[in-house]
Amino acid sequence: PLMDGTAKYLSVFVSPVEVALGRFFCQAAIVAVLAGFMGRSPGSLMK
């Protein structure tokens, strides 16, 4: 619900679709960064 509360706040300023897009983009970016620290390449994730 903390994520949902953040989304509710952001939906005042941008569209809900853009809020959802931002959520998924940031999620993928965070995973890519963590994977790099764990020694996994972007290619292994894409597989």
PDB file of all heavy atoms in Angstrom:
ATOM      1  N   PRO A   1       0.800  -1.231   0.000  1.00  0.00           N
ATOM      2  CA  PRO A   1       0.000   0.000   0.000  1.00  0.00           C
ATOM      3  C   PRO A   1       0.831   1.278   0.000  1.00  0.00           C
ATOM      4  O   PRO A   1       0.326   2.342  -0.380  1.00  0.00           O
ATOM      5  CB  PRO A   1      -0.830  -0.124   1.290  1.00  0.00           C
ATOM      6  CG  PRO A   1      -0.943  -1.590   1.523  1.00  0.00           C
ATOM      7  CD  PRO A   1       0.407  -2.119   1.107  1.00  0.00           C
ATOM      8  N   LEU A   2       2.093   1.196   0.436  1.00  0.00           N
ATOM      9  CA  LEU A   2       2.955   2.376   0.354  1.00  0.00           C
ATOM     10  C   LEU A   2       3.183   2.758  -1.109  1.00  0.00           C
ATOM     11  O   LEU A   2       3.216   3.949  -1.455  1.00  0.00           O
ATOM     12  CB  LEU A   2       4.293   2.107   1.048  1.00  0.00           C
ATOM     13  CG  LEU A   2       4.236   1.922   2.565  1.00  0.00           C
ATOM     14  CD1 LEU A   2       5.621   1.543   3.100  1.00  0.00           C
ATOM     15  CD2 LEU A   2       3.744   3.195   3.246  1.00  0.00           C
ATOM     16  N   MET A   3       3.347   1.743  -1.979  1.00  0.00           N
ATOM     17  CA  MET A   3       3.460   2.007  -3.406  1.00  0.00           C
ATOM     18  C   MET A   3       2.156   2.594  -3.934  1.00  0.00           C
ATOM     19  O   MET A   3       2.151   3.558  -4.709  1.00  0.00           O
ATOM     20  CB  MET A   3       3.798   0.724  -4.175  1.00  0.00           C
ATOM     21  CG  MET A   3       3.895   0.922  -5.686  1.00  0.00           C
ATOM     22  SD  MET A   3       3.972  -0.631  -6.610  1.00  0.00           S
ATOM     23  CE  MET A   3       2.317  -1.293  -6.354  1.00  0.00           C
ATOM     24  N   ASP A   4       1.028   2.021  -3.503  1.00  0.00           N
ATOM     25  CA  ASP A   4      -0.274   2.502  -3.962  1.00  0.00           C
ATOM     26  C   ASP A   4      -0.521   3.932  -3.494  1.00  0.00           C
ATOM     27  O   ASP A   4      -1.073   4.758  -4.234  1.00  0.00           O
ATOM     28  CB  ASP A   4      -1.381   1.586  -3.446  1.00  0.00           C
ATOM     29  CG  ASP A   4      -1.253   0.163  -3.985  1.00  0.00           C
ATOM     30  OD1 ASP A   4      -0.735   0.006  -5.102  1.00  0.00           O
ATOM     31  OD2 ASP A   4      -1.669  -0.782  -3.280  1.00  0.00           O
ATOM     32  N   GLY A   5      -0.104   4.230  -2.260  1.00  0.00           N
ATOM     33  CA  GLY A   5      -0.261   5.593  -1.757  1.00  0.00           C
ATOM     34  C   GLY A   5       0.571   6.582  -2.557  1.00  0.00           C
ATOM     35  O   GLY A   5       0.116   7.699  -2.859  1.00  0.00           O
ATOM     36  N   THR A   6       1.789   6.188  -2.918  1.00  0.00           N
ATOM     37  CA  THR A   6       2.643   7.036  -3.757  1.00  0.00           C
ATOM     38  C   THR A   6       2.004   7.252  -5.126  1.00  0.00           C
ATOM     39  O   THR A   6       2.013   8.366  -5.661  1.00  0.00           O
ATOM     40  CB  THR A   6       4.034   6.399  -3.921  1.00  0.00           C
ATOM     41  OG1 THR A   6       4.599   6.121  -2.637  1.00  0.00           O
ATOM     42  CG2 THR A   6       4.968   7.325  -4.683  1.00  0.00           C
ATOM     43  N   ALA A   7       1.437   6.167  -5.684  1.00  0.00           N
ATOM     44  CA  ALA A   7       0.776   6.265  -6.982  1.00  0.00           C
ATOM     45  C   ALA A   7      -0.433   7.193  -6.907  1.00  0.00           C
ATOM     46  O   ALA A   7      -0.696   7.977  -7.833  1.00  0.00           O
ATOM     47  CB  ALA A   7       0.342   4.872  -7.452  1.00  0.00           C
ATOM     48  N   LYS A   8      -1.182   7.103  -5.815  1.00  0.00           N
ATOM     49  CA  LYS A   8      -2.358   7.972  -5.640  1.00  0.00           C
ATOM     50  C   LYS A   8      -1.933   9.438  -5.615  1.00  0.00           C
ATOM     51  O   LYS A   8      -2.579  10.295  -6.231  1.00  0.00           O
ATOM     52  CB  LYS A   8      -3.087   7.598  -4.355  1.00  0.00           C
ATOM     53  CG  LYS A   8      -4.349   8.432  -4.062  1.00  0.00           C
ATOM     54  CD  LYS A   8      -5.037   7.938  -2.814  1.00  0.00           C
ATOM     55  CE  LYS A   8      -6.237   8.820  -2.456  1.00  0.00           C
ATOM     56  NZ  LYS A   8      -7.307   8.724  -3.465  1.00  0.00           N
ATOM     57  N   TYR A   9      -0.839   9.728  -4.915  1.00  0.00           N
ATOM     58  CA  TYR A   9      -0.339  11.109  -4.853  1.00  0.00           C
ATOM     59  C   TYR A   9       0.114  11.589  -6.232  1.00  0.00           C
ATOM     60  O   TYR A   9      -0.228  12.703  -6.663  1.00  0.00           O
ATOM     61  CB  TYR A   9       0.813  11.196  -3.862  1.00  0.00           C
ATOM     62  CG  TYR A   9       1.472  12.556  -3.813  1.00  0.00           C
ATOM     63  CD1 TYR A   9       0.885  13.604  -3.119  1.00  0.00           C
ATOM     64  CD2 TYR A   9       2.682  12.783  -4.473  1.00  0.00           C
ATOM     65  CE1 TYR A   9       1.479  14.860  -3.087  1.00  0.00           C
ATOM     66  CE2 TYR A   9       3.286  14.032  -4.444  1.00  0.00           C
ATOM     67  CZ  TYR A   9       2.678  15.065  -3.748  1.00  0.00           C
ATOM     68  OH  TYR A   9       3.267  16.304  -3.735  1.00  0.00           O
ATOM     69  N   LEU A  10       0.865  10.746  -6.954  1.00  0.00           N
ATOM     70  CA  LEU A  10       1.384  11.143  -8.271  1.00  0.00           C
ATOM     71  C   LEU A  10       0.264  11.323  -9.296  1.00  0.00           C
ATOM     72  O   LEU A  10       0.405  12.123 -10.236  1.00  0.00           O
ATOM     73  CB  LEU A  10       2.385  10.100  -8.773  1.00  0.00           C
ATOM     74  CG  LEU A  10       3.757  10.097  -8.091  1.00  0.00           C
ATOM     75  CD1 LEU A  10       4.571   8.885  -8.525  1.00  0.00           C
ATOM     76  CD2 LEU A  10       4.516  11.376  -8.396  1.00  0.00           C
ATOM     77  N   SER A  11      -0.842  10.584  -9.130  1.00  0.00           N
ATOM     78  CA  SER A  11      -1.936  10.669 -10.110  1.00  0.00           C
ATOM     79  C   SER A  11      -2.613  12.032 -10.110  1.00  0.00           C
ATOM     80  O   SER A  11      -3.382  12.340 -11.023  1.00  0.00           O
ATOM     81  CB  SER A  11      -2.976   9.570  -9.833  1.00  0.00           C
ATOM     82  OG  SER A  11      -3.636   9.800  -8.596  1.00  0.00           O
ATOM     83  N   VAL A  12      -2.313  12.857  -9.102  1.00  0.00           N
ATOM     84  CA  VAL A  12      -2.827  14.231  -9.094  1.00  0.00           C
ATOM     85  C   VAL A  12      -2.103  15.070 -10.146  1.00  0.00           C
ATOM     86  O   VAL A  12      -2.675  16.014 -10.704  1.00  0.00           O
ATOM     87  CB  VAL A  12      -2.649  14.865  -7.693  1.00  0.00           C
ATOM     88  CG1 VAL A  12      -3.065  16.334  -7.704  1.00  0.00           C
ATOM     89  CG2 VAL A  12      -3.449  14.084  -6.656  1.00  0.00           C
ATOM     90  N   PHE A  13      -0.860  14.720 -10.450  1.00  0.00           N
ATOM     91  CA  PHE A  13      -0.019  15.533 -11.323  1.00  0.00           C
ATOM     92  C   PHE A  13       0.152  14.939 -12.720  1.00  0.00           C
ATOM     93  O   PHE A  13       0.354  15.691 -13.683  1.00  0.00           O
ATOM     94  CB  PHE A  13       1.363  15.713 -10.682  1.00  0.00           C
ATOM     95  CG  PHE A  13       1.289  16.260  -9.279  1.00  0.00           C
ATOM     96  CD1 PHE A  13       1.370  15.416  -8.192  1.00  0.00           C
ATOM     97  CD2 PHE A  13       1.109  17.617  -9.059  1.00  0.00           C
ATOM     98  CE1 PHE A  13       1.304  15.910  -6.893  1.00  0.00           C
ATOM     99  CE2 PHE A  13       1.033  18.129  -7.770  1.00  0.00           C
ATOM    100  CZ  PHE A  13       1.123  17.269  -6.675  1.00  0.00           C
ATOM    101  N   VAL A  14       0.131  13.608 -12.849  1.00  0.00           N
ATOM    102  CA  VAL A  14       0.270  12.958 -14.152  1.00  0.00           C
ATOM    103  C   VAL A  14      -0.832  11.901 -14.281  1.00  0.00           C
ATOM    104  O   VAL A  14      -1.483  11.545 -13.298  1.00  0.00           O
ATOM    105  CB  VAL A  14       1.658  12.303 -14.329  1.00  0.00           C
ATOM    106  CG1 VAL A  14       2.755  13.346 -14.235  1.00  0.00           C
ATOM    107  CG2 VAL A  14       1.885  11.215 -13.279  1.00  0.00           C
ATOM    108  N   SER A  15      -1.018  11.387 -15.494  1.00  0.00           N
ATOM    109  CA  SER A  15      -2.093  10.422 -15.716  1.00  0.00           C
ATOM    110  C   SER A  15      -1.779   9.086 -15.035  1.00  0.00           C
ATOM    111  O   SER A  15      -0.607   8.743 -14.847  1.00  0.00           O
ATOM    112  CB  SER A  15      -2.284  10.192 -17.211  1.00  0.00           C
ATOM    113  OG  SER A  15      -1.222   9.417 -17.747  1.00  0.00           O
ATOM    114  N   PRO A  16      -2.818   8.315 -14.667  1.00  0.00           N
ATOM    115  CA  PRO A  16      -2.599   7.000 -14.074  1.00  0.00           C
ATOM    116  C   PRO A  16      -1.784   6.066 -14.969  1.00  0.00           C
ATOM    117  O   PRO A  16      -1.020   5.239 -14.475  1.00  0.00           O
ATOM    118  CB  PRO A  16      -4.023   6.463 -13.870  1.00  0.00           C
ATOM    119  CG  PRO A  16      -4.869   7.685 -13.745  1.00  0.00           C
ATOM    120  CD  PRO A  16      -4.245   8.682 -14.679  1.00  0.00           C
ATOM    121  N   VAL A  17      -1.946   6.202 -16.295  1.00  0.00           N
ATOM    122  CA  VAL A  17      -1.180   5.368 -17.219  1.00  0.00           C
ATOM    123  C   VAL A  17       0.301   5.711 -17.121  1.00  0.00           C
ATOM    124  O   VAL A  17       1.164   4.821 -17.105  1.00  0.00           O
ATOM    125  CB  VAL A  17      -1.675   5.553 -18.672  1.00  0.00           C
ATOM    126  CG1 VAL A  17      -0.839   4.701 -19.632  1.00  0.00           C
ATOM    127  CG2 VAL A  17      -3.146   5.179 -18.791  1.00  0.00           C
ATOM    128  N   GLU A  18       0.616   6.991 -17.017  1.00  0.00           N
ATOM    129  CA  GLU A  18       2.008   7.410 -16.876  1.00  0.00           C
ATOM    130  C   GLU A  18       2.578   6.969 -15.533  1.00  0.00           C
ATOM    131  O   GLU A  18       3.757   6.604 -15.437  1.00  0.00           O
ATOM    132  CB  GLU A  18       2.116   8.923 -17.021  1.00  0.00           C
ATOM    133  CG  GLU A  18       3.551   9.429 -17.068  1.00  0.00           C
ATOM    134  CD  GLU A  18       3.636  10.925 -17.319  1.00  0.00           C
ATOM    135  OE1 GLU A  18       2.661  11.490 -17.869  1.00  0.00           O
ATOM    136  OE2 GLU A  18       4.668  11.520 -16.966  1.00  0.00           O
ATOM    137  N   VAL A  19       1.751   6.991 -14.493  1.00  0.00           N
ATOM    138  CA  VAL A  19       2.192   6.513 -13.182  1.00  0.00           C
ATOM    139  C   VAL A  19       2.560   5.033 -13.273  1.00  0.00           C
ATOM    140  O   VAL A  19       3.602   4.604 -12.771  1.00  0.00           O
ATOM    141  CB  VAL A  19       1.091   6.717 -12.120  1.00  0.00           C
ATOM    142  CG1 VAL A  19       1.506   6.061 -10.798  1.00  0.00           C
ATOM    143  CG2 VAL A  19       0.836   8.199 -11.893  1.00  0.00           C
ATOM    144  N   ALA A  20       1.690   4.255 -13.929  1.00  0.00           N
ATOM    145  CA  ALA A  20       1.962   2.823 -14.081  1.00  0.00           C
ATOM    146  C   ALA A  20       3.220   2.591 -14.913  1.00  0.00           C
ATOM    147  O   ALA A  20       4.046   1.725 -14.594  1.00  0.00           O
ATOM    148  CB  ALA A  20       0.763   2.130 -14.726  1.00  0.00           C
ATOM    149  N   LEU A  21       3.381   3.376 -15.998  1.00  0.00           N
ATOM    150  CA  LEU A  21       4.579   3.255 -16.838  1.00  0.00           C
ATOM    151  C   LEU A  21       5.830   3.544 -16.028  1.00  0.00           C
ATOM    152  O   LEU A  21       6.828   2.811 -16.119  1.00  0.00           O
ATOM    153  CB  LEU A  21       4.472   4.213 -18.022  1.00  0.00           C
ATOM    154  CG  LEU A  21       5.706   4.314 -18.942  1.00  0.00           C
ATOM    155  CD1 LEU A  21       6.031   2.959 -19.553  1.00  0.00           C
ATOM    156  CD2 LEU A  21       5.465   5.349 -20.039  1.00  0.00           C
ATOM    157  N   GLY A  22       5.790   4.586 -15.210  1.00  0.00           N
ATOM    158  CA  GLY A  22       6.932   4.915 -14.373  1.00  0.00           C
ATOM    159  C   GLY A  22       7.253   3.811 -13.393  1.00  0.00           C
ATOM    160  O   GLY A  22       8.426   3.501 -13.147  1.00  0.00           O
ATOM    161  N   ARG A  23       6.218   3.183 -12.849  1.00  0.00           N
ATOM    162  CA  ARG A  23       6.421   2.084 -11.899  1.00  0.00           C
ATOM    163  C   ARG A  23       7.175   0.933 -12.552  1.00  0.00           C
ATOM    164  O   ARG A  23       8.149   0.406 -12.011  1.00  0.00           O
ATOM    165  CB  ARG A  23       5.072   1.603 -11.370  1.00  0.00           C
ATOM    166  CG  ARG A  23       5.129   0.315 -10.542  1.00  0.00           C
ATOM    167  CD  ARG A  23       4.441  -0.842 -11.279  1.00  0.00           C
ATOM    168  NE  ARG A  23       4.638  -2.118 -10.608  1.00  0.00           N
ATOM    169  CZ  ARG A  23       3.646  -2.858 -10.153  1.00  0.00           C
ATOM    170  NH1 ARG A  23       2.403  -2.457 -10.267  1.00  0.00           N
ATOM    171  NH2 ARG A  23       3.914  -4.023  -9.605  1.00  0.00           N
ATOM    172  N   PHE A  24       6.727   0.513 -13.745  1.00  0.00           N
ATOM    173  CA  PHE A  24       7.354  -0.629 -14.413  1.00  0.00           C
ATOM    174  C   PHE A  24       8.749  -0.292 -14.931  1.00  0.00           C
ATOM    175  O   PHE A  24       9.654  -1.127 -14.877  1.00  0.00           O
ATOM    176  CB  PHE A  24       6.468  -1.122 -15.559  1.00  0.00           C
ATOM    177  CG  PHE A  24       5.255  -1.884 -15.092  1.00  0.00           C
ATOM    178  CD1 PHE A  24       3.998  -1.307 -15.136  1.00  0.00           C
ATOM    179  CD2 PHE A  24       5.372  -3.168 -14.592  1.00  0.00           C
ATOM    180  CE1 PHE A  24       2.880  -1.998 -14.694  1.00  0.00           C
ATOM    181  CE2 PHE A  24       4.265  -3.870 -14.148  1.00  0.00           C
ATOM    182  CZ  PHE A  24       3.006  -3.279 -14.194  1.00  0.00           C
ATOM    183  N   PHE A  25       8.928   0.939 -15.432  1.00  0.00           N
ATOM    184  CA  PHE A  25      10.254   1.335 -15.917  1.00  0.00           C
ATOM    185  C   PHE A  25      11.271   1.332 -14.774  1.00  0.00           C
ATOM    186  O   PHE A  25      12.381   0.797 -14.910  1.00  0.00           O
ATOM    187  CB  PHE A  25      10.182   2.725 -16.560  1.00  0.00           C
ATOM    188  CG  PHE A  25      11.518   3.239 -17.019  1.00  0.00           C
ATOM    189  CD1 PHE A  25      12.045   2.860 -18.242  1.00  0.00           C
ATOM    190  CD2 PHE A  25      12.258   4.105 -16.217  1.00  0.00           C
ATOM    191  CE1 PHE A  25      13.293   3.326 -18.666  1.00  0.00           C
ATOM    192  CE2 PHE A  25      13.495   4.569 -16.622  1.00  0.00           C
ATOM    193  CZ  PHE A  25      14.012   4.184 -17.852  1.00  0.00           C
ATOM    194  N   CYS A  26      10.884   1.933 -13.649  1.00  0.00           N
ATOM    195  CA  CYS A  26      11.794   1.986 -12.503  1.00  0.00           C
ATOM    196  C   CYS A  26      12.064   0.592 -11.951  1.00  0.00           C
ATOM    197  O   CYS A  26      13.194   0.292 -11.530  1.00  0.00           O
ATOM    198  CB  CYS A  26      11.212   2.886 -11.420  1.00  0.00           C
ATOM    199  SG  CYS A  26      11.195   4.645 -11.856  1.00  0.00           S
ATOM    200  N   GLN A  27      11.053  -0.259 -11.968  1.00  0.00           N
ATOM    201  CA  GLN A  27      11.241  -1.624 -11.481  1.00  0.00           C
ATOM    202  C   GLN A  27      12.272  -2.356 -12.335  1.00  0.00           C
ATOM    203  O   GLN A  27      13.180  -3.015 -11.809  1.00  0.00           O
ATOM    204  CB  GLN A  27       9.915  -2.380 -11.502  1.00  0.00           C
ATOM    205  CG  GLN A  27      10.017  -3.817 -11.004  1.00  0.00           C
ATOM    206  CD  GLN A  27       8.654  -4.490 -10.914  1.00  0.00           C
ATOM    207  OE1 GLN A  27       7.637  -3.835 -10.729  1.00  0.00           O
ATOM    208  NE2 GLN A  27       8.638  -5.806 -11.059  1.00  0.00           N
ATOM    209  N   ALA A  28      12.147  -2.248 -13.674  1.00  0.00           N
ATOM    210  CA  ALA A  28      13.093  -2.908 -14.570  1.00  0.00           C
ATOM    211  C   ALA A  28      14.498  -2.334 -14.386  1.00  0.00           C
ATOM    212  O   ALA A  28      15.494  -3.076 -14.388  1.00  0.00           O
ATOM    213  CB  ALA A  28      12.641  -2.749 -16.023  1.00  0.00           C
ATOM    214  N   ALA A  29      14.596  -1.011 -14.209  1.00  0.00           N
ATOM    215  CA  ALA A  29      15.904  -0.374 -14.033  1.00  0.00           C
ATOM    216  C   ALA A  29      16.568  -0.825 -12.741  1.00  0.00           C
ATOM    217  O   ALA A  29      17.777  -1.108 -12.710  1.00  0.00           O
ATOM    218  CB  ALA A  29      15.739   1.146 -14.041  1.00  0.00           C
ATOM    219  N   ILE A  30      15.789  -0.910 -11.671  1.00  0.00           N
ATOM    220  CA  ILE A  30      16.329  -1.344 -10.377  1.00  0.00           C
ATOM    221  C   ILE A  30      16.842  -2.775 -10.461  1.00  0.00           C
ATOM    222  O   ILE A  30      17.916  -3.107  -9.952  1.00  0.00           O
ATOM    223  CB  ILE A  30      15.249  -1.213  -9.280  1.00  0.00           C
ATOM    224  CG1 ILE A  30      14.978   0.268  -8.992  1.00  0.00           C
ATOM    225  CG2 ILE A  30      15.683  -1.928  -7.996  1.00  0.00           C
ATOM    226  CD1 ILE A  30      13.739   0.500  -8.168  1.00  0.00           C
ATOM    227  N   VAL A  31      16.081  -3.641 -11.138  1.00  0.00           N
ATOM    228  CA  VAL A  31      16.501  -5.036 -11.290  1.00  0.00           C
ATOM    229  C   VAL A  31      17.798  -5.113 -12.086  1.00  0.00           C
ATOM    230  O   VAL A  31      18.708  -5.877 -11.744  1.00  0.00           O
ATOM    231  CB  VAL A  31      15.403  -5.864 -11.981  1.00  0.00           C
ATOM    232  CG1 VAL A  31      15.911  -7.266 -12.298  1.00  0.00           C
ATOM    233  CG2 VAL A  31      14.165  -5.953 -11.097  1.00  0.00           C
ATOM    234  N   ALA A  32      17.894  -4.318 -13.165  1.00  0.00           N
ATOM    235  CA  ALA A  32      19.099  -4.333 -13.996  1.00  0.00           C
ATOM    236  C   ALA A  32      20.328  -3.912 -13.187  1.00  0.00           C
ATOM    237  O   ALA A  32      21.407  -4.512 -13.309  1.00  0.00           O
ATOM    238  CB  ALA A  32      18.903  -3.415 -15.201  1.00  0.00           C
ATOM    239  N   VAL A  33      20.158  -2.897 -12.338  1.00  0.00           N
ATOM    240  CA  VAL A  33      21.280  -2.434 -11.505  1.00  0.00           C
ATOM    241  C   VAL A  33      21.668  -3.512 -10.492  1.00  0.00           C
ATOM    242  O   VAL A  33      22.861  -3.819 -10.312  1.00  0.00           O
ATOM    243  CB  VAL A  33      20.908  -1.125 -10.778  1.00  0.00           C
ATOM    244  CG1 VAL A  33      21.984  -0.759  -9.748  1.00  0.00           C
ATOM    245  CG2 VAL A  33      20.726   0.008 -11.784  1.00  0.00           C
ATOM    246  N   LEU A  34      20.682  -4.093  -9.817  1.00  0.00           N
ATOM    247  CA  LEU A  34      20.963  -5.149  -8.842  1.00  0.00           C
ATOM    248  C   LEU A  34      21.619  -6.357  -9.498  1.00  0.00           C
ATOM    249  O   LEU A  34      22.536  -6.962  -8.936  1.00  0.00           O
ATOM    250  CB  LEU A  34      19.665  -5.577  -8.147  1.00  0.00           C
ATOM    251  CG  LEU A  34      19.080  -4.594  -7.133  1.00  0.00           C
ATOM    252  CD1 LEU A  34      17.748  -5.119  -6.606  1.00  0.00           C
ATOM    253  CD2 LEU A  34      20.047  -4.375  -5.984  1.00  0.00           C
ATOM    254  N   ALA A  35      21.147  -6.698 -10.692  1.00  0.00           N
ATOM    255  CA  ALA A  35      21.723  -7.835 -11.406  1.00  0.00           C
ATOM    256  C   ALA A  35      23.199  -7.591 -11.711  1.00  0.00           C
ATOM    257  O   ALA A  35      24.033  -8.504 -11.626  1.00  0.00           O
ATOM    258  CB  ALA A  35      20.950  -8.080 -12.698  1.00  0.00           C
ATOM    259  N   GLY A  36      23.533  -6.333 -12.050  1.00  0.00           N
ATOM    260  CA  GLY A  36      24.925  -6.003 -12.314  1.00  0.00           C
ATOM    261  C   GLY A  36      25.800  -6.202 -11.091  1.00  0.00           C
ATOM    262  O   GLY A  36      26.904  -6.743 -11.185  1.00  0.00           O
ATOM    263  N   PHE A  37      25.300  -5.789  -9.922  1.00  0.00           N
ATOM    264  CA  PHE A  37      26.044  -5.979  -8.681  1.00  0.00           C
ATOM    265  C   PHE A  37      26.180  -7.458  -8.330  1.00  0.00           C
ATOM    266  O   PHE A  37      27.129  -7.861  -7.653  1.00  0.00           O
ATOM    267  CB  PHE A  37      25.353  -5.252  -7.528  1.00  0.00           C
ATOM    268  CG  PHE A  37      25.648  -3.778  -7.484  1.00  0.00           C
ATOM    269  CD1 PHE A  37      24.661  -2.852  -7.790  1.00  0.00           C
ATOM    270  CD2 PHE A  37      26.910  -3.309  -7.159  1.00  0.00           C
ATOM    271  CE1 PHE A  37      24.922  -1.489  -7.761  1.00  0.00           C
ATOM    272  CE2 PHE A  37      27.195  -1.952  -7.119  1.00  0.00           C
ATOM    273  CZ  PHE A  37      26.187  -1.029  -7.435  1.00  0.00           C
ATOM    274  N   MET A  38      25.220  -8.277  -8.789  1.00  0.00           N
ATOM    275  CA  MET A  38      25.250  -9.709  -8.484  1.00  0.00           C
ATOM    276  C   MET A  38      25.962 -10.515  -9.563  1.00  0.00           C
ATOM    277  O   MET A  38      25.953 -11.743  -9.541  1.00  0.00           O
ATOM    278  CB  MET A  38      23.821 -10.223  -8.293  1.00  0.00           C
ATOM    279  CG  MET A  38      23.096  -9.581  -7.108  1.00  0.00           C
ATOM    280  SD  MET A  38      21.354 -10.080  -6.975  1.00  0.00           S
ATOM    281  CE  MET A  38      21.546 -11.828  -6.589  1.00  0.00           C
ATOM    282  N   GLY A  39      26.572  -9.806 -10.538  1.00  0.00           N
ATOM    283  CA  GLY A  39      27.360 -10.481 -11.557  1.00  0.00           C
ATOM    284  C   GLY A  39      26.563 -11.052 -12.712  1.00  0.00           C
ATOM    285  O   GLY A  39      27.088 -11.864 -13.474  1.00  0.00           O
ATOM    286  N   ARG A  40      25.305 -10.617 -12.843  1.00  0.00           N
ATOM    287  CA  ARG A  40      24.490 -11.094 -13.961  1.00  0.00           C
ATOM    288  C   ARG A  40      24.465 -10.054 -15.070  1.00  0.00           C
ATOM    289  O   ARG A  40      24.331  -8.859 -14.826  1.00  0.00           O
ATOM    290  CB  ARG A  40      23.059 -11.390 -13.504  1.00  0.00           C
ATOM    291  CG  ARG A  40      22.952 -12.583 -12.573  1.00  0.00           C
ATOM    292  CD  ARG A  40      21.521 -13.061 -12.465  1.00  0.00           C
ATOM    293  NE  ARG A  40      20.977 -13.429 -13.766  1.00  0.00           N
ATOM    294  CZ  ARG A  40      19.746 -13.910 -13.945  1.00  0.00           C
ATOM    295  NH1 ARG A  40      18.950 -14.061 -12.892  1.00  0.00           N
ATOM    296  NH2 ARG A  40      19.318 -14.234 -15.136  1.00  0.00           N
ATOM    297  N   SER A  41      24.587 -10.523 -16.306  1.00  0.00           N
ATOM    298  CA  SER A  41      24.592  -9.626 -17.451  1.00  0.00           C
ATOM    299  C   SER A  41      23.159  -9.324 -17.895  1.00  0.00           C
ATOM    300  O   SER A  41      22.238 -10.104 -17.619  1.00  0.00           O
ATOM    301  CB  SER A  41      25.347 -10.272 -18.614  1.00  0.00           C
ATOM    302  OG  SER A  41      24.648 -11.428 -19.067  1.00  0.00           O
ATOM    303  N   PRO A  42      22.955  -8.204 -18.596  1.00  0.00           N
ATOM    304  CA  PRO A  42      21.619  -7.908 -19.141  1.00  0.00           C
ATOM    305  C   PRO A  42      21.115  -9.020 -20.058  1.00  0.00           C
ATOM    306  O   PRO A  42      19.914  -9.306 -20.104  1.00  0.00           O
ATOM    307  CB  PRO A  42      21.844  -6.598 -19.912  1.00  0.00           C
ATOM    308  CG  PRO A  42      23.023  -5.964 -19.239  1.00  0.00           C
ATOM    309  CD  PRO A  42      23.900  -7.107 -18.829  1.00  0.00           C
ATOM    310  N   GLY A  43      22.060  -9.654 -20.765  1.00  0.00           N
ATOM    311  CA  GLY A  43      21.663 -10.734 -21.668  1.00  0.00           C
ATOM    312  C   GLY A  43      21.050 -11.914 -20.941  1.00  0.00           C
ATOM    313  O   GLY A  43      20.091 -12.530 -21.420  1.00  0.00           O
ATOM    314  N   SER A  44      21.584 -12.239 -19.756  1.00  0.00           N
ATOM    315  CA  SER A  44      21.049 -13.368 -18.999  1.00  0.00           C
ATOM    316  C   SER A  44      19.634 -13.075 -18.515  1.00  0.00           C
ATOM    317  O   SER A  44      18.793 -13.978 -18.403  1.00  0.00           O
ATOM    318  CB  SER A  44      21.955 -13.690 -17.808  1.00  0.00           C
ATOM    319  OG  SER A  44      21.923 -12.646 -16.839  1.00  0.00           O
ATOM    320  N   LEU A  45      19.350 -11.802 -18.211  1.00  0.00           N
ATOM    321  CA  LEU A  45      17.996 -11.417 -17.815  1.00  0.00           C
ATOM    322  C   LEU A  45      17.041 -11.500 -19.010  1.00  0.00           C
ATOM    323  O   LEU A  45      15.911 -11.975 -18.887  1.00  0.00           O
ATOM    324  CB  LEU A  45      17.986  -9.994 -17.245  1.00  0.00           C
ATOM    325  CG  LEU A  45      18.649  -9.787 -15.882  1.00  0.00           C
ATOM    326  CD1 LEU A  45      18.641  -8.306 -15.513  1.00  0.00           C
ATOM    327  CD2 LEU A  45      17.944 -10.596 -14.799  1.00  0.00           C
ATOM    328  N   MET A  46      17.519 -11.023 -20.169  1.00  0.00           N
ATOM    329  CA  MET A  46      16.670 -11.024 -21.362  1.00  0.00           C
ATOM    330  C   MET A  46      16.312 -12.440 -21.794  1.00  0.00           C
ATOM    331  O   MET A  46      15.250 -12.668 -22.374  1.00  0.00           O
ATOM    332  CB  MET A  46      17.369 -10.289 -22.512  1.00  0.00           C
ATOM    333  CG  MET A  46      17.431  -8.784 -22.340  1.00  0.00           C
ATOM    334  SD  MET A  46      15.797  -8.009 -22.161  1.00  0.00           S
ATOM    335  CE  MET A  46      15.025  -8.492 -23.728  1.00  0.00           C
ATOM    336  N   LYS A  47      17.207 -13.410 -21.504  1.00  0.00           N
ATOM    337  CA  LYS A  47      16.918 -14.794 -21.880  1.00  0.00           C
ATOM    338  C   LYS A  47      15.699 -15.345 -21.138  1.00  0.00           C
ATOM    339  O   LYS A  47      15.075 -16.306 -21.587  1.00  0.00           O
ATOM    340  CB  LYS A  47      18.142 -15.673 -21.606  1.00  0.00           C
ATOM    341  CG  LYS A  47      19.285 -15.468 -22.595  1.00  0.00           C
ATOM    342  CD  LYS A  47      20.458 -16.392 -22.281  1.00  0.00           C
ATOM    343  CE  LYS A  47      21.591 -16.188 -23.267  1.00  0.00           C
ATOM    344  NZ  LYS A  47      22.765 -17.057 -22.958  1.00  0.00           N
TER     345      LYS A  47
END
